PDB file of all heavy atoms in Angstrom:
ATOM      1  N   CYS A   1      -6.846  -2.133   8.236  1.00  0.00           N
ATOM      2  CA  CYS A   1      -7.901  -2.325   7.027  1.00  0.00           C
ATOM      3  C   CYS A   1      -7.435  -1.897   5.697  1.00  0.00           C
ATOM      4  O   CYS A   1      -8.106  -1.445   4.841  1.00  0.00           O
ATOM      5  CB  CYS A   1      -9.170  -1.563   7.339  1.00  0.00           C
ATOM      6  SG  CYS A   1      -9.864  -2.252   8.894  1.00  0.00           S
ATOM      7  N   GLY A   2      -5.958  -2.143   5.559  1.00  0.00           N
ATOM      8  CA  GLY A   2      -5.425  -1.931   4.252  1.00  0.00           C
ATOM      9  C   GLY A   2      -5.546  -3.054   3.284  1.00  0.00           C
ATOM     10  O   GLY A   2      -6.253  -4.070   3.705  1.00  0.00           O
ATOM     11  N   ARG A   3      -4.932  -2.935   2.155  1.00  0.00           N
ATOM     12  CA  ARG A   3      -4.976  -4.143   1.267  1.00  0.00           C
ATOM     13  C   ARG A   3      -3.596  -4.427   0.671  1.00  0.00           C
ATOM     14  O   ARG A   3      -2.856  -3.449   0.555  1.00  0.00           O
ATOM     15  CB  ARG A   3      -5.991  -3.997   0.164  1.00  0.00           C
ATOM     16  CG  ARG A   3      -5.843  -2.932  -0.728  1.00  0.00           C
ATOM     17  CD  ARG A   3      -7.004  -2.829  -1.761  1.00  0.00           C
ATOM     18  NE  ARG A   3      -6.713  -1.794  -2.764  1.00  0.00           N
ATOM     19  CZ  ARG A   3      -6.473  -2.080  -4.093  1.00  0.00           C
ATOM     20  NH1 ARG A   3      -6.636  -3.253  -4.486  1.00  0.00           N
ATOM     21  NH2 ARG A   3      -6.250  -1.263  -4.903  1.00  0.00           N
ATOM     22  N   VAL A   4      -3.356  -5.545   0.488  1.00  0.00           N
ATOM     23  CA  VAL A   4      -2.064  -6.128  -0.124  1.00  0.00           C
ATOM     24  C   VAL A   4      -2.081  -5.908  -1.575  1.00  0.00           C
ATOM     25  O   VAL A   4      -3.084  -6.278  -2.335  1.00  0.00           O
ATOM     26  CB  VAL A   4      -1.673  -7.587   0.269  1.00  0.00           C
ATOM     27  CG1 VAL A   4      -0.468  -8.060  -0.379  1.00  0.00           C
ATOM     28  CG2 VAL A   4      -1.735  -7.756   1.847  1.00  0.00           C
ATOM     29  N   LEU A   5      -0.979  -5.403  -2.214  1.00  0.00           N
ATOM     30  CA  LEU A   5      -0.815  -5.197  -3.581  1.00  0.00           C
ATOM     31  C   LEU A   5       0.370  -6.161  -4.142  1.00  0.00           C
ATOM     32  O   LEU A   5       0.875  -6.946  -3.440  1.00  0.00           O
ATOM     33  CB  LEU A   5      -0.685  -3.733  -4.060  1.00  0.00           C
ATOM     34  CG  LEU A   5      -1.646  -2.733  -3.336  1.00  0.00           C
ATOM     35  CD1 LEU A   5      -1.105  -1.350  -3.725  1.00  0.00           C
ATOM     36  CD2 LEU A   5      -2.859  -3.040  -3.987  1.00  0.00           C
ATOM     37  N   GLU A   6       0.683  -6.047  -5.382  1.00  0.00           N
ATOM     38  CA  GLU A   6       1.522  -6.906  -5.965  1.00  0.00           C
ATOM     39  C   GLU A   6       2.715  -6.217  -6.597  1.00  0.00           C
ATOM     40  O   GLU A   6       3.253  -6.583  -7.649  1.00  0.00           O
ATOM     41  CB  GLU A   6       0.889  -7.872  -6.943  1.00  0.00           C
ATOM     42  CG  GLU A   6      -0.008  -8.799  -6.230  1.00  0.00           C
ATOM     43  CD  GLU A   6      -0.370  -9.972  -7.063  1.00  0.00           C
ATOM     44  OE1 GLU A   6       0.358 -10.310  -8.046  1.00  0.00           O
ATOM     45  OE2 GLU A   6      -1.498 -10.651  -6.504  1.00  0.00           O
ATOM     46  N   TYR A   7       3.125  -4.965  -6.061  1.00  0.00           N
ATOM     47  CA  TYR A   7       4.222  -4.288  -6.559  1.00  0.00           C
ATOM     48  C   TYR A   7       5.528  -4.656  -5.741  1.00  0.00           C
ATOM     49  O   TYR A   7       5.471  -5.040  -4.743  1.00  0.00           O
ATOM     50  CB  TYR A   7       4.028  -2.738  -6.477  1.00  0.00           C
ATOM     51  CG  TYR A   7       2.801  -2.274  -7.223  1.00  0.00           C
ATOM     52  CD1 TYR A   7       1.736  -1.774  -6.443  1.00  0.00           C
ATOM     53  CD2 TYR A   7       2.744  -2.300  -8.588  1.00  0.00           C
ATOM     54  CE1 TYR A   7       0.661  -1.245  -7.111  1.00  0.00           C
ATOM     55  CE2 TYR A   7       1.656  -1.731  -9.251  1.00  0.00           C
ATOM     56  CZ  TYR A   7       0.541  -1.220  -8.525  1.00  0.00           C
ATOM     57  OH  TYR A   7      -0.544  -0.758  -9.119  1.00  0.00           O
ATOM     58  N   GLY A   8       6.676  -4.522  -6.463  1.00  0.00           N
ATOM     59  CA  GLY A   8       7.991  -4.672  -5.710  1.00  0.00           C
ATOM     60  C   GLY A   8       8.034  -6.111  -5.035  1.00  0.00           C
ATOM     61  O   GLY A   8       7.352  -7.078  -5.477  1.00  0.00           O
ATOM     62  N   ASP A   9       8.761  -6.200  -3.930  1.00  0.00           N
ATOM     63  CA  ASP A   9       8.881  -7.386  -3.144  1.00  0.00           C
ATOM     64  C   ASP A   9       7.635  -7.481  -2.233  1.00  0.00           C
ATOM     65  O   ASP A   9       7.248  -8.599  -1.856  1.00  0.00           O
ATOM     66  CB  ASP A   9      10.169  -7.524  -2.341  1.00  0.00           C
ATOM     67  CG  ASP A   9      11.334  -7.663  -3.325  1.00  0.00           C
ATOM     68  OD1 ASP A   9      11.256  -8.324  -4.291  1.00  0.00           O
ATOM     69  OD2 ASP A   9      12.356  -7.098  -2.919  1.00  0.00           O
ATOM     70  N   CYS A  10       7.056  -6.342  -1.723  1.00  0.00           N
ATOM     71  CA  CYS A  10       5.976  -6.374  -0.892  1.00  0.00           C
ATOM     72  C   CYS A  10       5.373  -5.068  -0.947  1.00  0.00           C
ATOM     73  O   CYS A  10       6.131  -3.998  -0.975  1.00  0.00           O
ATOM     74  CB  CYS A  10       6.508  -6.557   0.557  1.00  0.00           C
ATOM     75  SG  CYS A  10       5.102  -6.692   1.724  1.00  0.00           S
ATOM     76  N   SER A  11       4.141  -4.962  -1.154  1.00  0.00           N
ATOM     77  CA  SER A  11       3.444  -3.675  -1.202  1.00  0.00           C
ATOM     78  C   SER A  11       2.011  -3.681  -0.728  1.00  0.00           C
ATOM     79  O   SER A  11       1.329  -4.699  -0.660  1.00  0.00           O
ATOM     80  CB  SER A  11       3.372  -3.181  -2.759  1.00  0.00           C
ATOM     81  OG  SER A  11       2.670  -4.121  -3.527  1.00  0.00           O
ATOM     82  N   VAL A  12       1.582  -2.524  -0.100  1.00  0.00           N
ATOM     83  CA  VAL A  12       0.237  -2.369   0.401  1.00  0.00           C
ATOM     84  C   VAL A  12      -0.451  -1.030   0.129  1.00  0.00           C
ATOM     85  O   VAL A  12       0.420  -0.143  -0.211  1.00  0.00           O
ATOM     86  CB  VAL A  12       0.419  -2.609   1.964  1.00  0.00           C
ATOM     87  CG1 VAL A  12       0.857  -3.972   2.354  1.00  0.00           C
ATOM     88  CG2 VAL A  12       1.197  -1.434   2.730  1.00  0.00           C
ATOM     89  N   GLU A  13      -1.606  -0.934   0.305  1.00  0.00           N
ATOM     90  CA  GLU A  13      -2.301   0.237   0.185  1.00  0.00           C
ATOM     91  C   GLU A  13      -3.015   0.674   1.572  1.00  0.00           C
ATOM     92  O   GLU A  13      -3.775  -0.299   2.051  1.00  0.00           O
ATOM     93  CB  GLU A  13      -3.310   0.343  -0.863  1.00  0.00           C
ATOM     94  CG  GLU A  13      -4.055   1.588  -1.013  1.00  0.00           C
ATOM     95  CD  GLU A  13      -5.163   1.482  -2.119  1.00  0.00           C
ATOM     96  OE1 GLU A  13      -6.292   1.068  -1.773  1.00  0.00           O
ATOM     97  OE2 GLU A  13      -4.743   1.803  -3.299  1.00  0.00           O
ATOM     98  N   ILE A  14      -2.738   1.743   2.154  1.00  0.00           N
ATOM     99  CA  ILE A  14      -3.355   2.169   3.344  1.00  0.00           C
ATOM    100  C   ILE A  14      -4.033   3.554   3.176  1.00  0.00           C
ATOM    101  O   ILE A  14      -3.571   4.367   2.505  1.00  0.00           O
ATOM    102  CB  ILE A  14      -2.430   2.398   4.564  1.00  0.00           C
ATOM    103  CG1 ILE A  14      -1.415   1.234   4.660  1.00  0.00           C
ATOM    104  CG2 ILE A  14      -2.956   2.750   5.735  1.00  0.00           C
ATOM    105  CD1 ILE A  14      -1.993  -0.049   5.392  1.00  0.00           C
ATOM    106  N   ASP A  15      -5.308   3.699   3.489  1.00  0.00           N
ATOM    107  CA  ASP A  15      -5.976   5.039   3.529  1.00  0.00           C
ATOM    108  C   ASP A  15      -5.423   5.855   4.576  1.00  0.00           C
ATOM    109  O   ASP A  15      -5.591   5.585   5.826  1.00  0.00           O
ATOM    110  CB  ASP A  15      -7.436   4.884   3.763  1.00  0.00           C
ATOM    111  CG  ASP A  15      -8.076   4.362   2.426  1.00  0.00           C
ATOM    112  OD1 ASP A  15      -7.638   4.612   1.336  1.00  0.00           O
ATOM    113  OD2 ASP A  15      -9.272   3.849   2.547  1.00  0.00           O
ATOM    114  N   ALA A  16      -4.702   6.919   4.215  1.00  0.00           N
ATOM    115  CA  ALA A  16      -4.347   7.957   5.189  1.00  0.00           C
ATOM    116  C   ALA A  16      -5.560   8.648   5.796  1.00  0.00           C
ATOM    117  O   ALA A  16      -5.671   8.950   7.008  1.00  0.00           O
ATOM    118  CB  ALA A  16      -3.345   8.936   4.605  1.00  0.00           C
ATOM    119  N   LEU A  17      -6.437   9.017   4.904  1.00  0.00           N
ATOM    120  CA  LEU A  17      -7.722   9.520   5.133  1.00  0.00           C
ATOM    121  C   LEU A  17      -8.700   8.883   4.061  1.00  0.00           C
ATOM    122  O   LEU A  17      -8.146   8.562   3.002  1.00  0.00           O
ATOM    123  CB  LEU A  17      -7.716  11.076   5.142  1.00  0.00           C
ATOM    124  CG  LEU A  17      -6.989  11.792   6.241  1.00  0.00           C
ATOM    125  CD1 LEU A  17      -6.996  13.331   5.902  1.00  0.00           C
ATOM    126  CD2 LEU A  17      -7.666  11.587   7.549  1.00  0.00           C
ATOM    127  N   LEU A  18      -9.954   8.915   4.360  1.00  0.00           N
ATOM    128  CA  LEU A  18     -10.832   8.355   3.381  1.00  0.00           C
ATOM    129  C   LEU A  18     -10.739   9.051   2.035  1.00  0.00           C
ATOM    130  O   LEU A  18     -10.828  10.274   1.972  1.00  0.00           O
ATOM    131  CB  LEU A  18     -12.273   8.407   3.900  1.00  0.00           C
ATOM    132  CG  LEU A  18     -13.312   7.823   2.952  1.00  0.00           C
ATOM    133  CD1 LEU A  18     -13.079   6.360   2.866  1.00  0.00           C
ATOM    134  CD2 LEU A  18     -14.665   7.991   3.517  1.00  0.00           C
ATOM    135  N   GLY A  19     -10.336   8.328   0.968  1.00  0.00           N
ATOM    136  CA  GLY A  19     -10.191   8.928  -0.296  1.00  0.00           C
ATOM    137  C   GLY A  19      -8.765   9.374  -0.676  1.00  0.00           C
ATOM    138  O   GLY A  19      -8.446   9.842  -1.748  1.00  0.00           O
ATOM    139  N   ILE A  20      -7.817   9.134   0.269  1.00  0.00           N
ATOM    140  CA  ILE A  20      -6.485   9.416   0.137  1.00  0.00           C
ATOM    141  C   ILE A  20      -5.691   8.177   0.537  1.00  0.00           C
ATOM    142  O   ILE A  20      -5.008   8.082   1.541  1.00  0.00           O
ATOM    143  CB  ILE A  20      -5.921  10.621   1.022  1.00  0.00           C
ATOM    144  CG1 ILE A  20      -6.785  11.896   0.800  1.00  0.00           C
ATOM    145  CG2 ILE A  20      -4.464  10.896   0.738  1.00  0.00           C
ATOM    146  CD1 ILE A  20      -6.442  13.093   1.562  1.00  0.00           C
ATOM    147  N   PRO A  21      -5.663   7.184  -0.514  1.00  0.00           N
ATOM    148  CA  PRO A  21      -4.856   6.008  -0.240  1.00  0.00           C
ATOM    149  C   PRO A  21      -3.370   6.358  -0.496  1.00  0.00           C
ATOM    150  O   PRO A  21      -2.878   6.937  -1.404  1.00  0.00           O
ATOM    151  CB  PRO A  21      -5.393   5.038  -1.293  1.00  0.00           C
ATOM    152  CG  PRO A  21      -5.810   5.881  -2.327  1.00  0.00           C
ATOM    153  CD  PRO A  21      -6.383   7.297  -1.745  1.00  0.00           C
ATOM    154  N   LEU A  22      -2.567   5.679   0.317  1.00  0.00           N
ATOM    155  CA  LEU A  22      -1.016   5.760   0.170  1.00  0.00           C
ATOM    156  C   LEU A  22      -0.659   4.306  -0.283  1.00  0.00           C
ATOM    157  O   LEU A  22      -1.041   3.312   0.320  1.00  0.00           O
ATOM    158  CB  LEU A  22      -0.328   6.048   1.376  1.00  0.00           C
ATOM    159  CG  LEU A  22      -0.659   7.466   2.012  1.00  0.00           C
ATOM    160  CD1 LEU A  22       0.164   7.697   3.288  1.00  0.00           C
ATOM    161  CD2 LEU A  22      -0.391   8.472   1.040  1.00  0.00           C
ATOM    162  N   THR A  23       0.175   4.231  -1.285  1.00  0.00           N
ATOM    163  CA  THR A  23       0.696   2.921  -1.744  1.00  0.00           C
ATOM    164  C   THR A  23       2.118   2.888  -1.282  1.00  0.00           C
ATOM    165  O   THR A  23       2.964   3.679  -1.731  1.00  0.00           O
ATOM    166  CB  THR A  23       0.683   2.701  -3.356  1.00  0.00           C
ATOM    167  OG1 THR A  23      -0.819   2.877  -3.532  1.00  0.00           O
ATOM    168  CG2 THR A  23       1.223   1.479  -3.778  1.00  0.00           C
ATOM    169  N   PHE A  24       2.428   1.875  -0.470  1.00  0.00           N
ATOM    170  CA  PHE A  24       3.815   1.600   0.085  1.00  0.00           C
ATOM    171  C   PHE A  24       4.444   0.346  -0.691  1.00  0.00           C
ATOM    172  O   PHE A  24       3.837  -0.654  -0.639  1.00  0.00           O
ATOM    173  CB  PHE A  24       3.771   1.337   1.543  1.00  0.00           C
ATOM    174  CG  PHE A  24       3.405   2.507   2.373  1.00  0.00           C
ATOM    175  CD1 PHE A  24       2.050   2.717   2.686  1.00  0.00           C
ATOM    176  CD2 PHE A  24       4.394   3.427   2.891  1.00  0.00           C
ATOM    177  CE1 PHE A  24       1.723   3.801   3.398  1.00  0.00           C
ATOM    178  CE2 PHE A  24       3.971   4.466   3.715  1.00  0.00           C
ATOM    179  CZ  PHE A  24       2.612   4.591   4.050  1.00  0.00           C
ATOM    180  N   ILE A  25       5.502   0.569  -1.259  1.00  0.00           N
ATOM    181  CA  ILE A  25       6.135  -0.442  -2.123  1.00  0.00           C
ATOM    182  C   ILE A  25       7.584  -0.778  -1.521  1.00  0.00           C
ATOM    183  O   ILE A  25       8.311   0.274  -1.334  1.00  0.00           O
ATOM    184  CB  ILE A  25       6.322  -0.111  -3.636  1.00  0.00           C
ATOM    185  CG1 ILE A  25       4.851   0.283  -4.189  1.00  0.00           C
ATOM    186  CG2 ILE A  25       6.860  -1.233  -4.314  1.00  0.00           C
ATOM    187  CD1 ILE A  25       4.957   0.804  -5.559  1.00  0.00           C
ATOM    188  N   LEU A  26       7.834  -1.914  -1.236  1.00  0.00           N
ATOM    189  CA  LEU A  26       9.049  -2.193  -0.528  1.00  0.00           C
ATOM    190  C   LEU A  26       9.899  -3.145  -1.364  1.00  0.00           C
ATOM    191  O   LEU A  26       9.399  -4.139  -1.913  1.00  0.00           O
ATOM    192  CB  LEU A  26       8.849  -2.862   0.866  1.00  0.00           C
ATOM    193  CG  LEU A  26      10.047  -3.303   1.716  1.00  0.00           C
ATOM    194  CD1 LEU A  26      10.841  -2.104   2.118  1.00  0.00           C
ATOM    195  CD2 LEU A  26       9.529  -4.031   2.915  1.00  0.00           C
ATOM    196  N   TRP A  27      11.161  -2.812  -1.593  1.00  0.00           N
ATOM    197  CA  TRP A  27      12.092  -3.860  -2.156  1.00  0.00           C
ATOM    198  C   TRP A  27      13.178  -4.238  -1.170  1.00  0.00           C
ATOM    199  O   TRP A  27      13.861  -3.302  -0.464  1.00  0.00           O
ATOM    200  CB  TRP A  27      12.837  -3.138  -3.377  1.00  0.00           C
ATOM    201  CG  TRP A  27      11.933  -2.904  -4.530  1.00  0.00           C
ATOM    202  CD1 TRP A  27      11.686  -3.755  -5.616  1.00  0.00           C
ATOM    203  CD2 TRP A  27      11.255  -1.737  -4.866  1.00  0.00           C
ATOM    204  NE1 TRP A  27      10.810  -3.136  -6.437  1.00  0.00           N
ATOM    205  CE2 TRP A  27      10.488  -1.959  -6.017  1.00  0.00           C
ATOM    206  CE3 TRP A  27      11.144  -0.523  -4.176  1.00  0.00           C
ATOM    207  CZ2 TRP A  27       9.676  -0.973  -6.599  1.00  0.00           C
ATOM    208  CZ3 TRP A  27      10.251   0.420  -4.711  1.00  0.00           C
ATOM    209  CH2 TRP A  27       9.608   0.169  -5.987  1.00  0.00           C
ATOM    210  N   VAL A  28      13.284  -5.483  -0.903  1.00  0.00           N
ATOM    211  CA  VAL A  28      14.203  -6.020   0.163  1.00  0.00           C
ATOM    212  C   VAL A  28      15.513  -6.263  -0.509  1.00  0.00           C
ATOM    213  O   VAL A  28      15.592  -6.944  -1.542  1.00  0.00           O
ATOM    214  CB  VAL A  28      13.611  -7.253   0.838  1.00  0.00           C
ATOM    215  CG1 VAL A  28      14.471  -7.729   1.876  1.00  0.00           C
ATOM    216  CG2 VAL A  28      12.165  -6.958   1.344  1.00  0.00           C
TER     217      VAL A  28
END
């Protein structure tokens, strides 16, 4: 239930806990 973002080559936001989102940015 995360969401796709538009950073880097691929990026997403996942809630580690409610109110603590982590943004993962990947460069391939």
